[in-house]
Amino acid sequence: MTDMTDQNRTAGPTGGDEVPDTPGARRTQTARRGTGDPATRGRTTIADGVVEKIAALAARDVVGVHALGSGLARSLGAVRDRVPGGTKSVTRGVKAEVGEVQTALDLEIVVDYGVSISDVAHAVRENVITAVERMAGLEVVEVNIAVSDVKLPEEEEEEPEPRIQ
């Protein structure tokens, strides 16, 4: 014969201890909260734009990098920067593809005349990888660099003339 108290018991929230399962019974045992490592509770997502900003700032820190982006993008950006209310595009010349744990980057740079392009590209790649992995915690699988121009010492900046004088 089965005891009536055994029929009215169900497994507790933690699966071990039994708690009465009757309409008026109070559950005295609560589920354990906060078990496990706090870093594993939840998910962090990082937008492509965040990684692009990190990479752009890291690339600009390298000696020999004159600018990011192609000549046309820089010219359009200079116009956009002068428009009231417009914001400066920090990520010009950088494109990121961000996954859950990895990212891949494409950078378009303009180098100063006289520097070794391969040395600058190597330094940019190293600086970008270090910054993105440290700040975003993502594994950088590749950094593709396209050198679109060389800034000559006698060239003036490609800034359009202001319309109002």
N, C-alpha and C. Protein backbone atom coordinates (compact mmCIF):
# COMPACT_ATOMS: atom_id res chain seq x y z
N MET A 1 0.84 -1.17 0.00
CA MET A 1 0.00 0.00 0.00
C MET A 1 0.89 1.24 0.00
N THR A 2 0.51 2.20 -0.77
CA THR A 2 1.29 3.41 -0.92
C THR A 2 0.80 4.45 0.06
N ASP A 3 1.75 5.09 0.69
CA ASP A 3 1.43 6.17 1.63
C ASP A 3 0.90 7.36 0.84
N MET A 4 -0.14 8.01 1.34
CA MET A 4 -0.78 9.13 0.65
C MET A 4 0.18 10.30 0.46
N THR A 5 1.11 10.50 1.36
CA THR A 5 2.05 11.61 1.22
C THR A 5 2.99 11.38 0.06
N ASP A 6 3.29 10.13 -0.26
CA ASP A 6 4.16 9.86 -1.40
C ASP A 6 3.46 10.16 -2.71
N GLN A 7 2.15 9.98 -2.77
CA GLN A 7 1.43 10.25 -4.00
C GLN A 7 1.33 11.74 -4.27
N ASN A 8 1.38 12.56 -3.27
CA ASN A 8 1.23 14.00 -3.43
C ASN A 8 2.57 14.72 -3.49
N ARG A 9 3.61 14.03 -3.80
CA ARG A 9 4.93 14.67 -3.90
C ARG A 9 5.41 14.62 -5.34
N THR A 10 6.07 15.68 -5.75
CA THR A 10 6.69 15.72 -7.08
C THR A 10 8.13 16.14 -6.90
N ALA A 11 8.88 15.95 -7.95
CA ALA A 11 10.29 16.34 -7.88
C ALA A 11 10.38 17.85 -7.73
N GLY A 12 11.29 18.29 -6.90
CA GLY A 12 11.49 19.72 -6.66
C GLY A 12 12.13 20.38 -7.86
N PRO A 13 12.26 21.72 -7.81
CA PRO A 13 12.79 22.48 -8.95
C PRO A 13 14.22 22.08 -9.29
N THR A 14 14.96 21.62 -8.32
CA THR A 14 16.34 21.23 -8.61
C THR A 14 16.43 19.76 -8.99
N GLY A 15 15.29 19.07 -9.01
CA GLY A 15 15.28 17.69 -9.47
C GLY A 15 15.53 16.69 -8.37
N GLY A 16 15.96 17.06 -7.21
CA GLY A 16 16.32 16.11 -6.17
C GLY A 16 15.28 16.03 -5.08
N ASP A 17 15.20 17.02 -4.24
CA ASP A 17 14.29 17.00 -3.12
C ASP A 17 12.85 17.05 -3.59
N GLU A 18 11.98 16.41 -2.83
CA GLU A 18 10.57 16.41 -3.20
C GLU A 18 9.85 17.48 -2.40
N VAL A 19 8.85 18.08 -3.05
CA VAL A 19 8.07 19.13 -2.43
C VAL A 19 6.60 18.74 -2.58
N PRO A 20 5.75 18.98 -1.57
CA PRO A 20 4.34 18.60 -1.69
C PRO A 20 3.69 19.28 -2.89
N ASP A 21 2.86 18.53 -3.64
CA ASP A 21 2.19 19.08 -4.82
C ASP A 21 0.69 19.08 -4.58
N THR A 22 0.25 19.87 -3.64
CA THR A 22 -1.17 20.01 -3.35
C THR A 22 -1.54 21.46 -3.54
N PRO A 23 -2.79 21.75 -3.83
CA PRO A 23 -3.17 23.13 -4.14
C PRO A 23 -2.81 24.14 -3.06
N GLY A 24 -2.93 23.81 -1.81
CA GLY A 24 -2.67 24.78 -0.76
C GLY A 24 -1.25 24.73 -0.23
N ALA A 25 -0.42 23.84 -0.72
CA ALA A 25 0.93 23.68 -0.16
C ALA A 25 1.84 24.79 -0.64
N ARG A 26 2.69 25.29 0.23
CA ARG A 26 3.69 26.29 -0.13
C ARG A 26 4.97 25.58 -0.48
N ARG A 27 5.57 26.01 -1.51
CA ARG A 27 6.87 25.44 -1.87
C ARG A 27 7.91 26.17 -1.03
N THR A 28 8.53 25.45 -0.19
CA THR A 28 9.49 26.08 0.71
C THR A 28 10.89 26.10 0.12
N GLN A 29 11.14 25.28 -0.87
CA GLN A 29 12.47 25.23 -1.46
C GLN A 29 12.43 26.03 -2.76
N THR A 30 13.38 26.91 -2.96
CA THR A 30 13.41 27.72 -4.17
C THR A 30 14.50 27.20 -5.09
N ALA A 31 14.32 27.51 -6.35
CA ALA A 31 15.33 27.11 -7.33
C ALA A 31 16.62 27.88 -7.06
N ARG A 32 17.73 27.25 -7.31
CA ARG A 32 19.01 27.91 -7.10
C ARG A 32 19.21 28.93 -8.20
N ARG A 33 19.57 30.11 -7.79
CA ARG A 33 19.83 31.17 -8.76
C ARG A 33 21.31 31.41 -8.85
N GLY A 34 21.72 31.79 -10.04
CA GLY A 34 23.11 32.18 -10.19
C GLY A 34 24.10 31.04 -10.12
N THR A 35 23.70 29.87 -10.55
CA THR A 35 24.67 28.78 -10.55
C THR A 35 25.52 28.88 -11.79
N GLY A 36 26.75 28.55 -11.68
CA GLY A 36 27.66 28.57 -12.82
C GLY A 36 28.42 29.88 -12.91
N ASP A 37 29.28 29.94 -13.88
CA ASP A 37 30.12 31.09 -14.11
C ASP A 37 29.29 32.25 -14.65
N PRO A 38 29.38 33.45 -14.05
CA PRO A 38 28.59 34.58 -14.54
C PRO A 38 28.86 34.92 -16.00
N ALA A 39 30.05 34.66 -16.49
CA ALA A 39 30.38 34.98 -17.88
C ALA A 39 29.61 34.13 -18.87
N THR A 40 29.05 33.01 -18.43
CA THR A 40 28.32 32.13 -19.35
C THR A 40 26.82 32.40 -19.35
N ARG A 41 26.36 33.34 -18.55
CA ARG A 41 24.93 33.64 -18.48
C ARG A 41 24.60 34.75 -19.47
N GLY A 42 24.01 34.40 -20.56
CA GLY A 42 23.64 35.39 -21.56
C GLY A 42 24.58 35.38 -22.74
N ARG A 43 24.28 36.25 -23.68
CA ARG A 43 25.03 36.29 -24.93
C ARG A 43 25.39 37.72 -25.25
N THR A 44 26.57 37.94 -25.78
CA THR A 44 27.01 39.26 -26.19
C THR A 44 27.13 39.27 -27.70
N THR A 45 26.52 40.25 -28.33
CA THR A 45 26.67 40.41 -29.77
C THR A 45 27.36 41.73 -30.03
N ILE A 46 28.22 41.73 -31.02
CA ILE A 46 28.99 42.93 -31.37
C ILE A 46 28.65 43.29 -32.81
N ALA A 47 28.21 44.51 -33.01
CA ALA A 47 27.82 44.98 -34.34
C ALA A 47 29.03 45.14 -35.25
N ASP A 48 28.81 45.01 -36.54
CA ASP A 48 29.88 45.19 -37.51
C ASP A 48 30.52 46.57 -37.36
N GLY A 49 29.70 47.59 -37.13
CA GLY A 49 30.21 48.95 -37.00
C GLY A 49 31.17 49.15 -35.85
N VAL A 50 30.97 48.39 -34.78
CA VAL A 50 31.87 48.49 -33.63
C VAL A 50 33.26 47.98 -34.02
N VAL A 51 33.29 46.83 -34.67
CA VAL A 51 34.57 46.25 -35.09
C VAL A 51 35.22 47.15 -36.15
N GLU A 52 34.42 47.74 -37.03
CA GLU A 52 34.96 48.64 -38.05
C GLU A 52 35.62 49.86 -37.41
N LYS A 53 35.01 50.42 -36.37
CA LYS A 53 35.61 51.58 -35.69
C LYS A 53 36.92 51.21 -35.02
N ILE A 54 36.93 50.08 -34.35
CA ILE A 54 38.16 49.63 -33.68
C ILE A 54 39.27 49.46 -34.70
N ALA A 55 38.95 48.79 -35.81
CA ALA A 55 39.95 48.53 -36.85
C ALA A 55 40.42 49.83 -37.50
N ALA A 56 39.51 50.76 -37.75
CA ALA A 56 39.88 52.03 -38.39
C ALA A 56 40.83 52.83 -37.51
N LEU A 57 40.51 52.92 -36.24
CA LEU A 57 41.39 53.68 -35.33
C LEU A 57 42.74 53.01 -35.18
N ALA A 58 42.76 51.68 -35.14
CA ALA A 58 44.03 50.95 -35.02
C ALA A 58 44.87 51.13 -36.29
N ALA A 59 44.24 51.14 -37.46
CA ALA A 59 44.98 51.31 -38.71
C ALA A 59 45.55 52.72 -38.82
N ARG A 60 44.79 53.72 -38.38
CA ARG A 60 45.26 55.10 -38.46
C ARG A 60 46.46 55.35 -37.54
N ASP A 61 46.62 54.53 -36.51
CA ASP A 61 47.74 54.69 -35.59
C ASP A 61 49.08 54.29 -36.19
N VAL A 62 49.07 53.59 -37.31
CA VAL A 62 50.30 53.08 -37.90
C VAL A 62 50.98 54.18 -38.71
N VAL A 63 52.27 54.35 -38.47
CA VAL A 63 53.06 55.34 -39.20
C VAL A 63 53.14 54.89 -40.66
N GLY A 64 52.86 55.83 -41.56
CA GLY A 64 52.88 55.52 -42.99
C GLY A 64 51.49 55.44 -43.58
N VAL A 65 50.47 55.31 -42.73
CA VAL A 65 49.09 55.32 -43.23
C VAL A 65 48.65 56.78 -43.29
N HIS A 66 48.39 57.25 -44.50
CA HIS A 66 47.96 58.64 -44.65
C HIS A 66 46.47 58.78 -44.40
N ALA A 67 45.68 57.84 -44.96
CA ALA A 67 44.22 57.91 -44.81
C ALA A 67 43.63 56.53 -45.09
N LEU A 68 42.34 56.42 -44.80
CA LEU A 68 41.60 55.20 -45.12
C LEU A 68 40.57 55.54 -46.18
N GLY A 69 40.32 54.60 -47.08
CA GLY A 69 39.34 54.78 -48.14
C GLY A 69 39.97 55.24 -49.43
N SER A 70 39.19 55.15 -50.50
CA SER A 70 39.68 55.57 -51.82
C SER A 70 39.59 57.08 -51.93
N GLY A 71 40.14 57.63 -52.98
CA GLY A 71 40.10 59.08 -53.20
C GLY A 71 38.68 59.60 -53.28
N LEU A 72 37.80 58.88 -53.98
CA LEU A 72 36.41 59.31 -54.11
C LEU A 72 35.70 59.28 -52.76
N ALA A 73 35.91 58.22 -52.00
CA ALA A 73 35.27 58.12 -50.68
C ALA A 73 35.74 59.23 -49.75
N ARG A 74 37.03 59.56 -49.84
CA ARG A 74 37.57 60.63 -48.99
C ARG A 74 36.99 61.98 -49.40
N SER A 75 36.85 62.21 -50.71
CA SER A 75 36.29 63.48 -51.19
C SER A 75 34.84 63.63 -50.76
N LEU A 76 34.07 62.58 -50.95
CA LEU A 76 32.66 62.62 -50.52
C LEU A 76 32.56 62.77 -49.00
N GLY A 77 33.45 62.12 -48.28
CA GLY A 77 33.47 62.23 -46.83
C GLY A 77 33.80 63.64 -46.37
N ALA A 78 34.71 64.31 -47.09
CA ALA A 78 35.07 65.68 -46.73
C ALA A 78 33.88 66.61 -46.91
N VAL A 79 33.11 66.39 -47.97
CA VAL A 79 31.91 67.19 -48.18
C VAL A 79 30.90 66.92 -47.08
N ARG A 80 30.69 65.64 -46.76
CA ARG A 80 29.73 65.26 -45.73
C ARG A 80 30.14 65.82 -44.37
N ASP A 81 31.43 65.87 -44.10
CA ASP A 81 31.92 66.40 -42.82
C ASP A 81 31.60 67.89 -42.66
N ARG A 82 31.51 68.61 -43.77
CA ARG A 82 31.26 70.05 -43.70
C ARG A 82 29.78 70.40 -43.62
N VAL A 83 28.92 69.44 -43.90
CA VAL A 83 27.48 69.69 -43.84
C VAL A 83 27.07 69.84 -42.38
N PRO A 84 26.35 70.91 -42.05
CA PRO A 84 25.92 71.08 -40.66
C PRO A 84 25.08 69.89 -40.20
N GLY A 85 25.43 69.36 -39.06
CA GLY A 85 24.72 68.20 -38.51
C GLY A 85 25.29 66.88 -38.99
N GLY A 86 26.19 66.94 -39.95
CA GLY A 86 26.80 65.71 -40.45
C GLY A 86 27.84 65.20 -39.47
N THR A 87 28.04 63.91 -39.47
CA THR A 87 29.04 63.33 -38.57
C THR A 87 30.21 62.80 -39.38
N LYS A 88 31.36 62.85 -38.79
CA LYS A 88 32.56 62.36 -39.45
C LYS A 88 32.53 60.84 -39.49
N SER A 89 32.83 60.28 -40.65
CA SER A 89 32.81 58.83 -40.80
C SER A 89 34.16 58.26 -40.39
N VAL A 90 34.20 57.68 -39.23
CA VAL A 90 35.43 57.09 -38.71
C VAL A 90 35.75 55.80 -39.45
N THR A 91 34.71 55.12 -39.92
CA THR A 91 34.90 53.79 -40.50
C THR A 91 35.12 53.80 -42.00
N ARG A 92 35.30 54.96 -42.60
CA ARG A 92 35.53 55.04 -44.04
C ARG A 92 36.73 54.17 -44.41
N GLY A 93 36.54 53.29 -45.40
CA GLY A 93 37.64 52.44 -45.86
C GLY A 93 37.75 51.12 -45.12
N VAL A 94 36.82 50.83 -44.22
CA VAL A 94 36.87 49.58 -43.45
C VAL A 94 35.55 48.85 -43.57
N LYS A 95 35.61 47.56 -43.83
CA LYS A 95 34.41 46.72 -43.88
C LYS A 95 34.69 45.49 -43.04
N ALA A 96 33.76 45.16 -42.14
CA ALA A 96 33.90 44.00 -41.26
C ALA A 96 32.74 43.05 -41.45
N GLU A 97 33.04 41.78 -41.37
CA GLU A 97 32.01 40.73 -41.30
C GLU A 97 32.21 40.06 -39.95
N VAL A 98 31.21 40.19 -39.09
CA VAL A 98 31.33 39.70 -37.72
C VAL A 98 30.42 38.51 -37.52
N GLY A 99 31.00 37.41 -37.02
CA GLY A 99 30.23 36.24 -36.63
C GLY A 99 30.13 36.19 -35.13
N GLU A 100 29.78 35.02 -34.60
CA GLU A 100 29.65 34.89 -33.15
C GLU A 100 30.99 34.92 -32.44
N VAL A 101 32.02 34.32 -33.03
CA VAL A 101 33.32 34.28 -32.36
C VAL A 101 34.47 34.73 -33.26
N GLN A 102 34.18 34.98 -34.54
CA GLN A 102 35.24 35.36 -35.48
C GLN A 102 34.82 36.58 -36.28
N THR A 103 35.82 37.24 -36.86
CA THR A 103 35.56 38.37 -37.74
C THR A 103 36.60 38.39 -38.85
N ALA A 104 36.21 38.96 -39.98
CA ALA A 104 37.11 39.17 -41.11
C ALA A 104 36.99 40.63 -41.51
N LEU A 105 38.11 41.24 -41.89
CA LEU A 105 38.13 42.67 -42.18
C LEU A 105 38.76 42.95 -43.54
N ASP A 106 38.22 43.96 -44.21
CA ASP A 106 38.79 44.49 -45.45
C ASP A 106 39.07 45.96 -45.21
N LEU A 107 40.31 46.39 -45.48
CA LEU A 107 40.70 47.78 -45.30
C LEU A 107 41.24 48.33 -46.61
N GLU A 108 40.90 49.57 -46.91
CA GLU A 108 41.44 50.27 -48.06
C GLU A 108 42.21 51.46 -47.51
N ILE A 109 43.52 51.50 -47.81
CA ILE A 109 44.36 52.54 -47.22
C ILE A 109 45.10 53.34 -48.29
N VAL A 110 45.51 54.53 -47.90
CA VAL A 110 46.40 55.38 -48.68
C VAL A 110 47.67 55.52 -47.86
N VAL A 111 48.81 55.21 -48.49
CA VAL A 111 50.08 55.27 -47.75
C VAL A 111 50.85 56.53 -48.14
N ASP A 112 51.71 56.96 -47.26
CA ASP A 112 52.59 58.09 -47.54
C ASP A 112 53.69 57.66 -48.50
N TYR A 113 54.10 58.56 -49.39
CA TYR A 113 55.17 58.27 -50.32
C TYR A 113 56.47 58.03 -49.55
N GLY A 114 57.22 57.03 -49.98
CA GLY A 114 58.53 56.77 -49.40
C GLY A 114 58.54 55.65 -48.38
N VAL A 115 57.39 55.21 -47.91
CA VAL A 115 57.37 54.12 -46.93
C VAL A 115 57.27 52.79 -47.66
N SER A 116 57.71 51.74 -47.01
CA SER A 116 57.59 50.40 -47.56
C SER A 116 56.14 49.94 -47.40
N ILE A 117 55.48 49.72 -48.53
CA ILE A 117 54.07 49.33 -48.48
C ILE A 117 53.90 48.01 -47.77
N SER A 118 54.79 47.07 -47.99
CA SER A 118 54.65 45.76 -47.32
C SER A 118 54.84 45.90 -45.81
N ASP A 119 55.77 46.77 -45.39
CA ASP A 119 55.96 46.98 -43.95
C ASP A 119 54.74 47.67 -43.32
N VAL A 120 54.18 48.65 -44.02
CA VAL A 120 53.00 49.34 -43.51
C VAL A 120 51.83 48.37 -43.43
N ALA A 121 51.64 47.55 -44.47
CA ALA A 121 50.54 46.59 -44.48
C ALA A 121 50.70 45.58 -43.34
N HIS A 122 51.92 45.14 -43.11
CA HIS A 122 52.19 44.19 -42.02
C HIS A 122 51.87 44.85 -40.67
N ALA A 123 52.30 46.09 -40.48
CA ALA A 123 52.06 46.80 -39.22
C ALA A 123 50.57 47.07 -39.02
N VAL A 124 49.86 47.42 -40.09
CA VAL A 124 48.42 47.66 -39.99
C VAL A 124 47.72 46.37 -39.60
N ARG A 125 48.07 45.29 -40.28
CA ARG A 125 47.44 43.99 -40.00
C ARG A 125 47.67 43.60 -38.53
N GLU A 126 48.89 43.74 -38.06
CA GLU A 126 49.23 43.38 -36.69
C GLU A 126 48.49 44.26 -35.68
N ASN A 127 48.45 45.57 -35.93
CA ASN A 127 47.79 46.50 -35.00
C ASN A 127 46.28 46.27 -34.96
N VAL A 128 45.68 46.04 -36.11
CA VAL A 128 44.24 45.81 -36.19
C VAL A 128 43.86 44.52 -35.48
N ILE A 129 44.60 43.46 -35.75
CA ILE A 129 44.31 42.17 -35.12
C ILE A 129 44.41 42.28 -33.60
N THR A 130 45.47 42.90 -33.12
CA THR A 130 45.67 43.05 -31.68
C THR A 130 44.52 43.85 -31.05
N ALA A 131 44.15 44.97 -31.67
CA ALA A 131 43.10 45.83 -31.10
C ALA A 131 41.74 45.13 -31.10
N VAL A 132 41.38 44.50 -32.21
CA VAL A 132 40.06 43.86 -32.30
C VAL A 132 39.98 42.67 -31.35
N GLU A 133 41.01 41.85 -31.30
CA GLU A 133 40.97 40.69 -30.41
C GLU A 133 40.95 41.11 -28.94
N ARG A 134 41.68 42.17 -28.60
CA ARG A 134 41.71 42.63 -27.22
C ARG A 134 40.40 43.29 -26.81
N MET A 135 39.87 44.16 -27.66
CA MET A 135 38.68 44.93 -27.29
C MET A 135 37.38 44.16 -27.50
N ALA A 136 37.28 43.42 -28.59
CA ALA A 136 36.02 42.75 -28.91
C ALA A 136 36.01 41.28 -28.50
N GLY A 137 37.20 40.72 -28.26
CA GLY A 137 37.26 39.31 -27.88
C GLY A 137 36.94 38.37 -29.03
N LEU A 138 37.01 38.86 -30.25
CA LEU A 138 36.74 38.04 -31.42
C LEU A 138 38.06 37.57 -32.05
N GLU A 139 38.04 36.39 -32.61
CA GLU A 139 39.21 35.89 -33.33
C GLU A 139 39.19 36.53 -34.72
N VAL A 140 40.26 37.19 -35.09
CA VAL A 140 40.36 37.80 -36.42
C VAL A 140 40.95 36.76 -37.35
N VAL A 141 40.15 36.31 -38.32
CA VAL A 141 40.61 35.25 -39.22
C VAL A 141 41.37 35.80 -40.40
N GLU A 142 41.07 37.04 -40.82
CA GLU A 142 41.84 37.65 -41.91
C GLU A 142 41.66 39.15 -41.92
N VAL A 143 42.71 39.83 -42.36
CA VAL A 143 42.67 41.27 -42.57
C VAL A 143 43.23 41.49 -43.97
N ASN A 144 42.34 41.81 -44.90
CA ASN A 144 42.73 42.07 -46.28
C ASN A 144 42.96 43.56 -46.44
N ILE A 145 44.10 43.93 -47.01
CA ILE A 145 44.45 45.34 -47.16
C ILE A 145 44.63 45.66 -48.63
N ALA A 146 43.92 46.67 -49.07
CA ALA A 146 44.06 47.17 -50.44
C ALA A 146 44.65 48.57 -50.35
N VAL A 147 45.80 48.77 -50.99
CA VAL A 147 46.43 50.09 -51.03
C VAL A 147 45.92 50.76 -52.29
N SER A 148 45.10 51.80 -52.10
CA SER A 148 44.44 52.44 -53.25
C SER A 148 45.17 53.67 -53.78
N ASP A 149 46.13 54.19 -53.00
CA ASP A 149 46.80 55.41 -53.44
C ASP A 149 48.06 55.62 -52.63
N VAL A 150 48.93 56.48 -53.16
CA VAL A 150 50.13 56.92 -52.45
C VAL A 150 50.06 58.43 -52.37
N LYS A 151 50.18 58.94 -51.17
CA LYS A 151 50.14 60.39 -50.94
C LYS A 151 51.52 60.97 -51.19
N LEU A 152 51.61 61.80 -52.23
CA LEU A 152 52.88 62.45 -52.56
C LEU A 152 53.05 63.68 -51.69
N PRO A 153 54.30 64.02 -51.34
CA PRO A 153 54.52 65.16 -50.44
C PRO A 153 53.98 66.48 -50.98
N GLU A 154 54.03 66.70 -52.30
CA GLU A 154 53.60 67.99 -52.85
C GLU A 154 52.10 68.05 -53.13
N GLU A 155 51.38 66.91 -52.97
CA GLU A 155 49.94 66.91 -53.20
C GLU A 155 49.23 67.64 -52.08
N GLU A 156 48.23 68.43 -52.46
CA GLU A 156 47.40 69.09 -51.46
C GLU A 156 46.30 68.13 -51.06
N GLU A 157 45.74 68.36 -49.89
CA GLU A 157 44.61 67.56 -49.44
C GLU A 157 43.46 67.75 -50.40
N GLU A 158 42.73 66.68 -50.64
CA GLU A 158 41.60 66.74 -51.56
C GLU A 158 40.36 67.24 -50.83
N GLU A 159 40.35 68.51 -50.47
CA GLU A 159 39.19 69.09 -49.79
C GLU A 159 38.53 70.05 -50.75
N PRO A 160 37.24 69.95 -50.92
CA PRO A 160 36.55 70.85 -51.84
C PRO A 160 36.53 72.27 -51.29
N GLU A 161 36.44 73.20 -52.21
CA GLU A 161 36.36 74.61 -51.83
C GLU A 161 35.02 74.85 -51.13
N PRO A 162 35.01 75.65 -50.07
CA PRO A 162 33.72 75.96 -49.44
C PRO A 162 32.85 76.77 -50.38
N ARG A 163 31.56 76.51 -50.39
CA ARG A 163 30.66 77.20 -51.30
C ARG A 163 30.41 78.62 -50.84
N ILE A 164 30.43 78.87 -49.56
CA ILE A 164 30.17 80.20 -49.05
C ILE A 164 31.50 80.81 -48.61
N GLN A 165 31.76 82.02 -49.11
CA GLN A 165 33.02 82.67 -48.74
C GLN A 165 32.78 83.98 -48.05
